[in-house]
Amino acid sequence: MRTAVAVFFMMTIVSTAVSADSPTAAQSRFTSIANKDCTFAPIGDEPGDEEDQLKTCPGVGGAQVLVNALGTRLRIGFRWPKGAHPQKIIWAVEAWSAGSAVDWRGSGKGKEFEPYAAIVRMKLQKQDLPVSGDQVLAVIRVAQDTACVMGAVDTGANPNANEAAHALADAAASFACGKDKPTIGGMRTKAAEEIVQGIAE
């Protein structure tokens, strides 16, 4: 099984091994979803309203990243203010918590960078304790007015989790949300299986 996985990733790397100077080369851009880099929607005056507060964070390719904490769950979605549905939020993935950055995969230089996938570290709660346990890289297919989980990689079970997530993301052009089945990269774990379920709209 590990040999097959290694061969798959090697073939993926070879197939995308375009010069880094080429505008068609797969690249990463990073944006923050840390509180200090986002704006918060107003909250109500009722007890517990602060748990439902929505924050909007900058993305790339005309996208915004939306983060919403709902009690012990946190969900991440995307919105395209200049798309066909400027107010629509497409919720893609949820867990107990999340990392502070989004790794956008795409191609093109400077302002011409066009993302086709976004990778976010999702954190699961550890046995009902107020701390994170397993962590999974959620690979999300993104295009204007489109977002869904297309893959997941458990960071604890896979020492090369970032590379595995990039390999899944770089196959994004052929992934159709609502039609294709998400893939678990590397070792299959319960945590990764939970993340690939995404959020049903």
N, C-alpha and C. Protein backbone atom coordinates (compact mmCIF):
# COMPACT_ATOMS: atom_id res chain seq x y z
N MET A 1 0.83 -1.20 0.00
CA MET A 1 0.00 0.00 0.00
C MET A 1 0.87 1.26 0.00
N ARG A 2 1.90 1.28 0.88
CA ARG A 2 2.77 2.44 0.94
C ARG A 2 3.52 2.64 -0.38
N THR A 3 3.89 1.52 -1.02
CA THR A 3 4.58 1.61 -2.30
C THR A 3 3.69 2.25 -3.34
N ALA A 4 2.42 1.86 -3.34
CA ALA A 4 1.47 2.41 -4.30
C ALA A 4 1.28 3.90 -4.08
N VAL A 5 1.21 4.30 -2.78
CA VAL A 5 1.05 5.71 -2.46
C VAL A 5 2.26 6.50 -2.93
N ALA A 6 3.45 5.94 -2.69
CA ALA A 6 4.69 6.61 -3.09
C ALA A 6 4.75 6.79 -4.60
N VAL A 7 4.34 5.75 -5.32
CA VAL A 7 4.35 5.82 -6.78
C VAL A 7 3.38 6.89 -7.26
N PHE A 8 2.21 6.95 -6.61
CA PHE A 8 1.21 7.95 -6.99
C PHE A 8 1.76 9.36 -6.84
N PHE A 9 2.38 9.63 -5.68
CA PHE A 9 2.89 10.97 -5.44
C PHE A 9 4.05 11.30 -6.37
N MET A 10 4.89 10.29 -6.67
CA MET A 10 6.00 10.53 -7.59
C MET A 10 5.48 10.88 -8.97
N MET A 11 4.44 10.18 -9.42
CA MET A 11 3.85 10.46 -10.73
C MET A 11 3.24 11.86 -10.75
N THR A 12 2.63 12.24 -9.61
CA THR A 12 2.02 13.56 -9.53
C THR A 12 3.07 14.64 -9.59
N ILE A 13 4.18 14.43 -8.86
CA ILE A 13 5.26 15.41 -8.86
C ILE A 13 5.85 15.56 -10.25
N VAL A 14 6.05 14.43 -10.94
CA VAL A 14 6.61 14.48 -12.28
C VAL A 14 5.67 15.20 -13.24
N SER A 15 4.38 14.91 -13.11
CA SER A 15 3.41 15.50 -14.02
C SER A 15 3.27 17.00 -13.83
N THR A 16 3.62 17.50 -12.62
CA THR A 16 3.50 18.94 -12.35
C THR A 16 4.87 19.61 -12.26
N ALA A 17 5.89 18.89 -12.65
CA ALA A 17 7.24 19.43 -12.53
C ALA A 17 7.55 20.39 -13.67
N VAL A 18 6.80 21.50 -13.68
CA VAL A 18 7.05 22.56 -14.62
C VAL A 18 7.99 23.53 -13.95
N SER A 19 8.78 24.26 -14.71
CA SER A 19 9.70 25.23 -14.14
C SER A 19 8.96 26.17 -13.20
N ALA A 20 9.60 26.48 -12.08
CA ALA A 20 8.97 27.37 -11.10
C ALA A 20 8.71 28.74 -11.69
N ASP A 21 9.42 29.10 -12.76
CA ASP A 21 9.22 30.39 -13.40
C ASP A 21 8.05 30.38 -14.37
N SER A 22 7.53 29.22 -14.65
CA SER A 22 6.42 29.10 -15.59
C SER A 22 5.11 29.52 -14.92
N PRO A 23 4.28 30.30 -15.63
CA PRO A 23 3.01 30.72 -15.04
C PRO A 23 2.04 29.57 -14.82
N THR A 24 2.32 28.40 -15.42
CA THR A 24 1.43 27.25 -15.24
C THR A 24 1.90 26.32 -14.14
N ALA A 25 3.03 26.64 -13.49
CA ALA A 25 3.54 25.78 -12.42
C ALA A 25 2.64 25.88 -11.19
N ALA A 26 2.43 24.75 -10.51
CA ALA A 26 1.65 24.74 -9.28
C ALA A 26 2.41 25.50 -8.20
N GLN A 27 1.73 26.41 -7.53
CA GLN A 27 2.36 27.24 -6.52
C GLN A 27 1.44 27.38 -5.31
N SER A 28 2.00 27.89 -4.22
CA SER A 28 1.23 28.16 -3.02
C SER A 28 1.22 29.65 -2.72
N ARG A 29 0.10 30.12 -2.23
CA ARG A 29 -0.03 31.46 -1.67
C ARG A 29 -0.68 31.27 -0.30
N PHE A 30 -0.30 32.08 0.67
CA PHE A 30 -0.83 31.91 2.02
C PHE A 30 -1.59 33.15 2.48
N THR A 31 -2.74 32.92 3.11
CA THR A 31 -3.48 34.01 3.74
C THR A 31 -3.80 33.59 5.17
N SER A 32 -4.08 34.58 6.00
CA SER A 32 -4.31 34.33 7.41
C SER A 32 -5.80 34.30 7.75
N ILE A 33 -6.16 33.40 8.69
CA ILE A 33 -7.50 33.43 9.26
C ILE A 33 -7.40 33.67 10.78
N ALA A 34 -6.27 34.23 11.19
CA ALA A 34 -6.10 34.62 12.59
C ALA A 34 -7.00 35.81 12.89
N ASN A 35 -7.47 35.91 14.10
CA ASN A 35 -8.41 36.97 14.48
C ASN A 35 -7.93 38.36 14.09
N LYS A 36 -6.64 38.63 14.27
CA LYS A 36 -6.11 39.97 14.03
C LYS A 36 -6.15 40.37 12.56
N ASP A 37 -6.28 39.40 11.67
CA ASP A 37 -6.27 39.69 10.23
C ASP A 37 -7.66 39.62 9.60
N CYS A 38 -8.69 39.45 10.42
CA CYS A 38 -10.05 39.30 9.91
C CYS A 38 -10.96 40.35 10.52
N THR A 39 -12.14 40.49 9.96
CA THR A 39 -13.13 41.40 10.52
C THR A 39 -14.29 40.58 11.08
N PHE A 40 -14.87 41.07 12.17
CA PHE A 40 -15.94 40.35 12.86
C PHE A 40 -17.28 41.02 12.62
N ALA A 41 -18.28 40.20 12.37
CA ALA A 41 -19.65 40.72 12.23
C ALA A 41 -20.16 41.11 13.61
N PRO A 42 -21.06 42.09 13.67
CA PRO A 42 -21.63 42.48 14.97
C PRO A 42 -22.35 41.30 15.61
N ILE A 43 -22.35 41.26 16.92
CA ILE A 43 -23.05 40.19 17.62
C ILE A 43 -24.20 40.77 18.43
N GLY A 44 -25.12 39.91 18.81
CA GLY A 44 -26.27 40.35 19.59
C GLY A 44 -25.93 40.52 21.06
N ASP A 45 -26.94 40.84 21.83
CA ASP A 45 -26.74 41.09 23.26
C ASP A 45 -27.14 39.91 24.13
N GLU A 46 -27.61 38.83 23.51
CA GLU A 46 -28.05 37.68 24.27
C GLU A 46 -26.86 36.83 24.72
N PRO A 47 -26.97 36.16 25.87
CA PRO A 47 -25.88 35.28 26.33
C PRO A 47 -25.59 34.20 25.29
N GLY A 48 -24.31 34.01 24.98
CA GLY A 48 -23.92 32.98 24.03
C GLY A 48 -23.83 33.46 22.60
N ASP A 49 -24.27 34.71 22.33
CA ASP A 49 -24.22 35.23 20.97
C ASP A 49 -22.80 35.29 20.43
N GLU A 50 -21.84 35.52 21.33
CA GLU A 50 -20.46 35.64 20.87
C GLU A 50 -19.94 34.34 20.27
N GLU A 51 -20.56 33.20 20.63
CA GLU A 51 -20.12 31.92 20.08
C GLU A 51 -20.52 31.75 18.63
N ASP A 52 -21.50 32.53 18.19
CA ASP A 52 -21.98 32.42 16.81
C ASP A 52 -21.40 33.52 15.93
N GLN A 53 -20.42 34.23 16.43
CA GLN A 53 -19.88 35.36 15.67
C GLN A 53 -19.17 34.89 14.41
N LEU A 54 -19.43 35.60 13.34
CA LEU A 54 -18.84 35.27 12.03
C LEU A 54 -17.68 36.20 11.75
N LYS A 55 -16.56 35.64 11.30
CA LYS A 55 -15.45 36.50 10.91
C LYS A 55 -15.12 36.28 9.44
N THR A 56 -14.79 37.37 8.78
CA THR A 56 -14.47 37.36 7.35
C THR A 56 -13.00 37.66 7.18
N CYS A 57 -12.32 36.78 6.42
CA CYS A 57 -10.88 36.90 6.25
C CYS A 57 -10.54 37.01 4.77
N PRO A 58 -9.46 37.71 4.43
CA PRO A 58 -9.09 37.86 3.03
C PRO A 58 -8.61 36.55 2.42
N GLY A 59 -8.93 36.36 1.15
CA GLY A 59 -8.45 35.18 0.42
C GLY A 59 -7.72 35.62 -0.82
N VAL A 60 -7.69 34.79 -1.83
CA VAL A 60 -7.08 35.13 -3.11
C VAL A 60 -8.07 34.77 -4.22
N GLY A 61 -7.81 35.27 -5.42
CA GLY A 61 -8.67 34.94 -6.54
C GLY A 61 -10.08 35.47 -6.39
N GLY A 62 -10.23 36.57 -5.64
CA GLY A 62 -11.56 37.14 -5.45
C GLY A 62 -12.37 36.49 -4.36
N ALA A 63 -11.80 35.54 -3.64
CA ALA A 63 -12.54 34.81 -2.60
C ALA A 63 -12.31 35.43 -1.22
N GLN A 64 -13.30 35.26 -0.37
CA GLN A 64 -13.16 35.55 1.05
C GLN A 64 -13.30 34.24 1.81
N VAL A 65 -12.64 34.14 2.96
CA VAL A 65 -12.75 32.96 3.81
C VAL A 65 -13.60 33.34 5.01
N LEU A 66 -14.64 32.57 5.28
CA LEU A 66 -15.52 32.82 6.40
C LEU A 66 -15.30 31.76 7.47
N VAL A 67 -15.18 32.21 8.71
CA VAL A 67 -14.98 31.31 9.84
C VAL A 67 -16.08 31.57 10.85
N ASN A 68 -16.75 30.50 11.28
CA ASN A 68 -17.87 30.64 12.20
C ASN A 68 -17.76 29.60 13.31
N ALA A 69 -17.66 30.06 14.54
CA ALA A 69 -17.62 29.16 15.69
C ALA A 69 -19.04 28.94 16.19
N LEU A 70 -19.42 27.69 16.33
CA LEU A 70 -20.76 27.34 16.79
C LEU A 70 -20.62 26.40 17.98
N GLY A 71 -20.50 26.95 19.16
CA GLY A 71 -20.32 26.13 20.34
C GLY A 71 -18.97 25.42 20.30
N THR A 72 -19.01 24.08 20.24
CA THR A 72 -17.77 23.30 20.21
C THR A 72 -17.37 22.92 18.78
N ARG A 73 -18.00 23.53 17.79
CA ARG A 73 -17.67 23.27 16.40
C ARG A 73 -17.27 24.56 15.71
N LEU A 74 -16.38 24.44 14.75
CA LEU A 74 -15.94 25.59 13.96
C LEU A 74 -16.02 25.19 12.50
N ARG A 75 -16.67 26.02 11.70
CA ARG A 75 -16.79 25.71 10.27
C ARG A 75 -16.13 26.79 9.44
N ILE A 76 -15.67 26.35 8.27
CA ILE A 76 -14.98 27.26 7.35
C ILE A 76 -15.69 27.23 6.01
N GLY A 77 -15.93 28.42 5.47
CA GLY A 77 -16.61 28.52 4.18
C GLY A 77 -15.96 29.57 3.31
N PHE A 78 -16.51 29.74 2.13
CA PHE A 78 -15.95 30.67 1.14
C PHE A 78 -17.07 31.48 0.50
N ARG A 79 -16.73 32.70 0.10
CA ARG A 79 -17.69 33.57 -0.58
C ARG A 79 -16.94 34.37 -1.64
N TRP A 80 -17.61 34.61 -2.76
CA TRP A 80 -17.04 35.39 -3.85
C TRP A 80 -17.88 36.64 -4.04
N PRO A 81 -17.49 37.78 -3.44
CA PRO A 81 -18.29 39.01 -3.49
C PRO A 81 -18.59 39.51 -4.90
N LYS A 82 -17.75 39.16 -5.86
CA LYS A 82 -17.98 39.61 -7.24
C LYS A 82 -18.47 38.46 -8.13
N GLY A 83 -18.87 37.37 -7.52
CA GLY A 83 -19.38 36.23 -8.28
C GLY A 83 -20.86 36.38 -8.58
N ALA A 84 -21.45 35.31 -9.06
CA ALA A 84 -22.87 35.32 -9.41
C ALA A 84 -23.77 35.42 -8.18
N HIS A 85 -23.25 34.97 -7.03
CA HIS A 85 -24.03 34.99 -5.79
C HIS A 85 -23.17 35.65 -4.70
N PRO A 86 -23.05 36.98 -4.74
CA PRO A 86 -22.09 37.68 -3.86
C PRO A 86 -22.29 37.52 -2.37
N GLN A 87 -23.51 37.22 -1.91
CA GLN A 87 -23.76 37.09 -0.49
C GLN A 87 -23.75 35.63 -0.02
N LYS A 88 -23.68 34.70 -0.94
CA LYS A 88 -23.78 33.29 -0.57
C LYS A 88 -22.47 32.78 0.02
N ILE A 89 -22.59 32.15 1.18
CA ILE A 89 -21.43 31.50 1.81
C ILE A 89 -21.54 30.00 1.55
N ILE A 90 -20.49 29.43 1.01
CA ILE A 90 -20.47 27.98 0.78
C ILE A 90 -19.63 27.35 1.88
N TRP A 91 -20.28 26.71 2.84
CA TRP A 91 -19.58 26.08 3.95
C TRP A 91 -18.98 24.77 3.47
N ALA A 92 -17.69 24.57 3.75
CA ALA A 92 -16.98 23.43 3.18
C ALA A 92 -16.58 22.38 4.21
N VAL A 93 -16.09 22.80 5.38
CA VAL A 93 -15.53 21.84 6.32
C VAL A 93 -15.72 22.33 7.74
N GLU A 94 -15.80 21.39 8.69
CA GLU A 94 -15.91 21.77 10.08
C GLU A 94 -15.17 20.78 10.97
N ALA A 95 -14.80 21.27 12.15
CA ALA A 95 -14.12 20.44 13.15
C ALA A 95 -14.23 21.19 14.48
N TRP A 96 -13.41 20.80 15.45
CA TRP A 96 -13.43 21.46 16.75
C TRP A 96 -12.75 22.83 16.67
N SER A 97 -11.67 22.90 15.89
CA SER A 97 -10.93 24.14 15.72
C SER A 97 -10.17 24.07 14.40
N ALA A 98 -9.37 25.09 14.13
CA ALA A 98 -8.61 25.12 12.88
C ALA A 98 -7.30 25.86 13.08
N GLY A 99 -6.40 25.72 12.12
CA GLY A 99 -5.14 26.44 12.15
C GLY A 99 -5.37 27.92 11.84
N SER A 100 -4.30 28.66 11.66
CA SER A 100 -4.42 30.12 11.47
C SER A 100 -4.14 30.58 10.04
N ALA A 101 -3.94 29.63 9.11
CA ALA A 101 -3.59 30.03 7.75
C ALA A 101 -4.29 29.14 6.72
N VAL A 102 -4.43 29.68 5.52
CA VAL A 102 -4.94 28.94 4.38
C VAL A 102 -3.84 28.86 3.34
N ASP A 103 -3.54 27.66 2.89
CA ASP A 103 -2.55 27.42 1.84
C ASP A 103 -3.31 27.26 0.53
N TRP A 104 -3.24 28.29 -0.31
CA TRP A 104 -3.94 28.27 -1.60
C TRP A 104 -3.03 27.66 -2.66
N ARG A 105 -3.54 26.69 -3.40
CA ARG A 105 -2.78 26.10 -4.50
C ARG A 105 -3.37 26.61 -5.81
N GLY A 106 -2.50 27.01 -6.71
CA GLY A 106 -2.96 27.53 -7.99
C GLY A 106 -1.78 27.81 -8.91
N SER A 107 -2.02 28.58 -9.94
CA SER A 107 -0.96 28.92 -10.89
C SER A 107 -1.14 30.37 -11.34
N GLY A 108 -0.07 30.92 -11.87
CA GLY A 108 -0.08 32.30 -12.32
C GLY A 108 0.77 33.18 -11.42
N LYS A 109 1.30 34.25 -11.99
CA LYS A 109 2.18 35.13 -11.23
C LYS A 109 1.44 36.37 -10.73
N GLY A 110 1.85 36.84 -9.56
CA GLY A 110 1.31 38.07 -9.01
C GLY A 110 -0.20 38.08 -8.94
N LYS A 111 -0.80 39.15 -9.47
CA LYS A 111 -2.26 39.29 -9.44
C LYS A 111 -2.95 38.31 -10.37
N GLU A 112 -2.17 37.64 -11.21
CA GLU A 112 -2.75 36.66 -12.14
C GLU A 112 -2.90 35.29 -11.50
N PHE A 113 -2.47 35.17 -10.24
CA PHE A 113 -2.57 33.88 -9.56
C PHE A 113 -4.02 33.45 -9.46
N GLU A 114 -4.30 32.24 -9.92
CA GLU A 114 -5.67 31.71 -9.93
C GLU A 114 -5.70 30.43 -9.10
N PRO A 115 -6.38 30.44 -7.95
CA PRO A 115 -6.40 29.24 -7.11
C PRO A 115 -7.39 28.20 -7.61
N TYR A 116 -7.04 26.94 -7.38
CA TYR A 116 -7.97 25.85 -7.69
C TYR A 116 -8.23 24.99 -6.45
N ALA A 117 -7.48 25.23 -5.39
CA ALA A 117 -7.69 24.47 -4.15
C ALA A 117 -7.17 25.28 -2.96
N ALA A 118 -7.71 24.98 -1.80
CA ALA A 118 -7.25 25.60 -0.56
C ALA A 118 -7.05 24.51 0.48
N ILE A 119 -5.99 24.63 1.26
CA ILE A 119 -5.68 23.63 2.28
C ILE A 119 -5.72 24.30 3.65
N VAL A 120 -6.51 23.72 4.55
CA VAL A 120 -6.66 24.27 5.90
C VAL A 120 -6.44 23.16 6.93
N ARG A 121 -5.68 23.47 7.97
CA ARG A 121 -5.45 22.51 9.04
C ARG A 121 -6.66 22.50 9.98
N MET A 122 -7.33 21.36 10.07
CA MET A 122 -8.49 21.23 10.94
C MET A 122 -8.10 20.40 12.16
N LYS A 123 -8.57 20.84 13.33
CA LYS A 123 -8.20 20.21 14.59
C LYS A 123 -9.41 19.57 15.24
N LEU A 124 -9.28 18.31 15.62
CA LEU A 124 -10.36 17.60 16.28
C LEU A 124 -10.14 17.63 17.79
N GLN A 125 -11.23 17.60 18.52
CA GLN A 125 -11.15 17.65 19.98
C GLN A 125 -10.62 16.33 20.54
N LYS A 126 -9.82 16.42 21.58
CA LYS A 126 -9.22 15.23 22.18
C LYS A 126 -10.10 14.69 23.31
N GLN A 127 -10.81 13.61 23.02
CA GLN A 127 -11.59 12.88 24.02
C GLN A 127 -12.38 13.79 24.97
N ASP A 128 -13.13 14.69 24.39
CA ASP A 128 -14.00 15.60 25.15
C ASP A 128 -13.24 16.53 26.08
N LEU A 129 -11.93 16.65 25.90
CA LEU A 129 -11.14 17.59 26.69
C LEU A 129 -11.05 18.92 25.94
N PRO A 130 -10.80 20.03 26.64
CA PRO A 130 -10.73 21.34 25.97
C PRO A 130 -9.40 21.59 25.27
N VAL A 131 -8.89 20.58 24.60
CA VAL A 131 -7.63 20.70 23.84
C VAL A 131 -7.79 19.93 22.53
N SER A 132 -6.96 20.31 21.56
CA SER A 132 -7.03 19.63 20.27
C SER A 132 -6.29 18.30 20.32
N GLY A 133 -6.77 17.36 19.53
CA GLY A 133 -6.14 16.04 19.41
C GLY A 133 -5.61 15.85 18.00
N ASP A 134 -6.27 14.97 17.24
CA ASP A 134 -5.84 14.71 15.87
C ASP A 134 -5.98 15.97 15.01
N GLN A 135 -5.04 16.10 14.06
CA GLN A 135 -5.08 17.23 13.14
C GLN A 135 -5.03 16.71 11.71
N VAL A 136 -5.86 17.30 10.86
CA VAL A 136 -5.99 16.83 9.48
C VAL A 136 -5.93 18.02 8.54
N LEU A 137 -5.20 17.86 7.44
CA LEU A 137 -5.19 18.89 6.41
C LEU A 137 -6.37 18.65 5.48
N ALA A 138 -7.31 19.59 5.49
CA ALA A 138 -8.48 19.49 4.60
C ALA A 138 -8.12 20.13 3.27
N VAL A 139 -8.25 19.37 2.20
CA VAL A 139 -7.97 19.88 0.86
C VAL A 139 -9.31 20.24 0.22
N ILE A 140 -9.50 21.50 -0.07
CA ILE A 140 -10.80 22.00 -0.51
C ILE A 140 -10.72 22.48 -1.96
N ARG A 141 -11.58 21.94 -2.79
CA ARG A 141 -11.67 22.40 -4.18
C ARG A 141 -12.32 23.77 -4.18
N VAL A 142 -11.68 24.74 -4.83
CA VAL A 142 -12.27 26.08 -4.92
C VAL A 142 -12.23 26.57 -6.36
N ALA A 143 -13.31 27.20 -6.74
CA ALA A 143 -13.44 27.92 -7.99
C ALA A 143 -14.55 28.92 -7.71
N GLN A 144 -14.73 29.92 -8.54
CA GLN A 144 -15.73 30.94 -8.23
C GLN A 144 -17.09 30.31 -7.97
N ASP A 145 -17.66 30.63 -6.81
CA ASP A 145 -18.96 30.12 -6.37
C ASP A 145 -18.98 28.61 -6.18
N THR A 146 -17.81 28.01 -5.97
CA THR A 146 -17.72 26.56 -5.76
C THR A 146 -16.71 26.26 -4.66
N ALA A 147 -17.09 25.39 -3.72
CA ALA A 147 -16.16 24.94 -2.69
C ALA A 147 -16.67 23.65 -2.09
N CYS A 148 -15.78 22.68 -1.95
CA CYS A 148 -16.12 21.41 -1.31
C CYS A 148 -14.84 20.69 -0.95
N VAL A 149 -14.90 19.80 0.02
CA VAL A 149 -13.74 19.01 0.41
C VAL A 149 -13.46 17.96 -0.66
N MET A 150 -12.24 17.94 -1.16
CA MET A 150 -11.87 16.95 -2.17
C MET A 150 -10.84 15.95 -1.65
N GLY A 151 -10.32 16.20 -0.44
CA GLY A 151 -9.35 15.28 0.12
C GLY A 151 -8.97 15.65 1.54
N ALA A 152 -8.27 14.74 2.21
CA ALA A 152 -7.81 14.98 3.58
C ALA A 152 -6.56 14.16 3.85
N VAL A 153 -5.67 14.71 4.67
CA VAL A 153 -4.44 14.01 5.05
C VAL A 153 -4.23 14.19 6.55
N ASP A 154 -4.15 13.09 7.27
CA ASP A 154 -3.91 13.11 8.71
C ASP A 154 -2.44 13.46 8.95
N THR A 155 -2.18 14.56 9.67
CA THR A 155 -0.80 15.01 9.86
C THR A 155 -0.02 14.12 10.82
N GLY A 156 -0.71 13.48 11.77
CA GLY A 156 -0.02 12.62 12.72
C GLY A 156 0.37 11.28 12.13
N ALA A 157 -0.42 10.79 11.19
CA ALA A 157 -0.18 9.47 10.60
C ALA A 157 0.72 9.53 9.37
N ASN A 158 0.95 10.74 8.86
CA ASN A 158 1.73 10.87 7.62
C ASN A 158 2.81 11.93 7.80
N PRO A 159 4.08 11.51 7.87
CA PRO A 159 5.18 12.46 8.09
C PRO A 159 5.34 13.49 6.97
N ASN A 160 4.89 13.16 5.76
CA ASN A 160 4.98 14.09 4.65
C ASN A 160 3.59 14.62 4.29
N ALA A 161 2.85 15.00 5.32
CA ALA A 161 1.46 15.40 5.14
C ALA A 161 1.29 16.59 4.20
N ASN A 162 2.16 17.59 4.31
CA ASN A 162 2.04 18.77 3.45
C ASN A 162 2.22 18.41 1.98
N GLU A 163 3.22 17.59 1.69
CA GLU A 163 3.45 17.16 0.31
C GLU A 163 2.27 16.35 -0.21
N ALA A 164 1.72 15.50 0.66
CA ALA A 164 0.58 14.68 0.26
C ALA A 164 -0.64 15.55 -0.03
N ALA A 165 -0.85 16.57 0.80
CA ALA A 165 -1.97 17.48 0.58
C ALA A 165 -1.80 18.27 -0.71
N HIS A 166 -0.57 18.70 -0.99
CA HIS A 166 -0.31 19.41 -2.24
C HIS A 166 -0.59 18.52 -3.45
N ALA A 167 -0.21 17.25 -3.35
CA ALA A 167 -0.45 16.31 -4.45
C ALA A 167 -1.95 16.16 -4.71
N LEU A 168 -2.74 16.06 -3.65
CA LEU A 168 -4.19 15.96 -3.82
C LEU A 168 -4.75 17.25 -4.41
N ALA A 169 -4.28 18.38 -3.90
CA ALA A 169 -4.78 19.67 -4.38
C ALA A 169 -4.46 19.89 -5.85
N ASP A 170 -3.28 19.46 -6.28
CA ASP A 170 -2.85 19.73 -7.65
C ASP A 170 -3.57 18.86 -8.67
N ALA A 171 -4.39 17.94 -8.19
CA ALA A 171 -5.25 17.17 -9.10
C ALA A 171 -6.64 17.80 -9.17
N ALA A 172 -6.76 19.01 -8.65
CA ALA A 172 -8.07 19.66 -8.48
C ALA A 172 -8.82 19.91 -9.77
N ALA A 173 -8.11 20.16 -10.86
CA ALA A 173 -8.78 20.54 -12.11
C ALA A 173 -9.78 19.49 -12.57
N SER A 174 -9.54 18.23 -12.21
CA SER A 174 -10.43 17.16 -12.66
C SER A 174 -11.48 16.79 -11.62
N PHE A 175 -11.51 17.51 -10.48
CA PHE A 175 -12.45 17.17 -9.41
C PHE A 175 -13.73 17.99 -9.53
N ALA A 176 -14.87 17.31 -9.54
CA ALA A 176 -16.16 17.99 -9.66
C ALA A 176 -16.94 17.85 -8.35
N CYS A 177 -17.21 18.98 -7.68
CA CYS A 177 -17.98 18.96 -6.44
C CYS A 177 -19.38 18.40 -6.70
N GLY A 178 -19.84 17.56 -5.78
CA GLY A 178 -21.15 16.96 -5.92
C GLY A 178 -21.18 15.73 -6.80
N LYS A 179 -20.07 15.44 -7.43
CA LYS A 179 -20.00 14.29 -8.33
C LYS A 179 -18.89 13.33 -7.93
N ASP A 180 -17.69 13.87 -7.76
CA ASP A 180 -16.54 13.04 -7.43
C ASP A 180 -16.44 12.81 -5.92
N LYS A 181 -15.85 11.68 -5.55
CA LYS A 181 -15.71 11.30 -4.15
C LYS A 181 -14.36 11.78 -3.61
N PRO A 182 -14.35 12.42 -2.43
CA PRO A 182 -13.09 12.89 -1.83
C PRO A 182 -12.12 11.73 -1.59
N THR A 183 -10.83 12.07 -1.58
CA THR A 183 -9.77 11.08 -1.42
C THR A 183 -9.02 11.32 -0.11
N ILE A 184 -8.64 10.25 0.57
CA ILE A 184 -7.79 10.36 1.75
C ILE A 184 -6.36 10.05 1.31
N GLY A 185 -5.48 11.00 1.54
CA GLY A 185 -4.09 10.82 1.14
C GLY A 185 -3.29 10.10 2.22
N GLY A 186 -2.41 9.21 1.78
CA GLY A 186 -1.58 8.49 2.74
C GLY A 186 -2.38 7.50 3.55
N MET A 187 -2.03 7.40 4.84
CA MET A 187 -2.69 6.44 5.72
C MET A 187 -4.11 6.88 6.05
N ARG A 188 -5.05 5.95 5.92
CA ARG A 188 -6.46 6.23 6.21
C ARG A 188 -6.69 6.17 7.72
N THR A 189 -7.26 7.22 8.28
CA THR A 189 -7.54 7.26 9.71
C THR A 189 -8.98 7.72 9.94
N LYS A 190 -9.45 7.51 11.15
CA LYS A 190 -10.80 7.93 11.51
C LYS A 190 -10.94 9.44 11.42
N ALA A 191 -9.88 10.15 11.82
CA ALA A 191 -9.92 11.61 11.78
C ALA A 191 -10.03 12.12 10.35
N ALA A 192 -9.26 11.53 9.44
CA ALA A 192 -9.32 11.93 8.03
C ALA A 192 -10.69 11.61 7.44
N GLU A 193 -11.25 10.47 7.83
CA GLU A 193 -12.58 10.10 7.34
C GLU A 193 -13.63 11.11 7.79
N GLU A 194 -13.48 11.62 9.00
CA GLU A 194 -14.43 12.62 9.50
C GLU A 194 -14.35 13.90 8.68
N ILE A 195 -13.14 14.32 8.36
CA ILE A 195 -12.96 15.58 7.64
C ILE A 195 -13.46 15.48 6.19
N VAL A 196 -13.24 14.36 5.52
CA VAL A 196 -13.68 14.26 4.11
C VAL A 196 -15.19 14.28 3.98
N GLN A 197 -15.91 14.13 5.07
CA GLN A 197 -17.36 14.21 4.99
C GLN A 197 -17.83 15.62 4.66
N GLY A 198 -16.98 16.62 4.95
CA GLY A 198 -17.32 17.99 4.64
C GLY A 198 -18.58 18.44 5.35
N ILE A 199 -19.29 19.38 4.74
CA ILE A 199 -20.55 19.88 5.27
C ILE A 199 -21.59 19.79 4.17
N ALA A 200 -22.68 19.14 4.44
CA ALA A 200 -23.75 19.03 3.45
C ALA A 200 -24.51 20.34 3.39
N GLU A 201 -24.60 20.93 2.22
CA GLU A 201 -25.34 22.19 2.05
C GLU A 201 -26.84 21.92 2.09
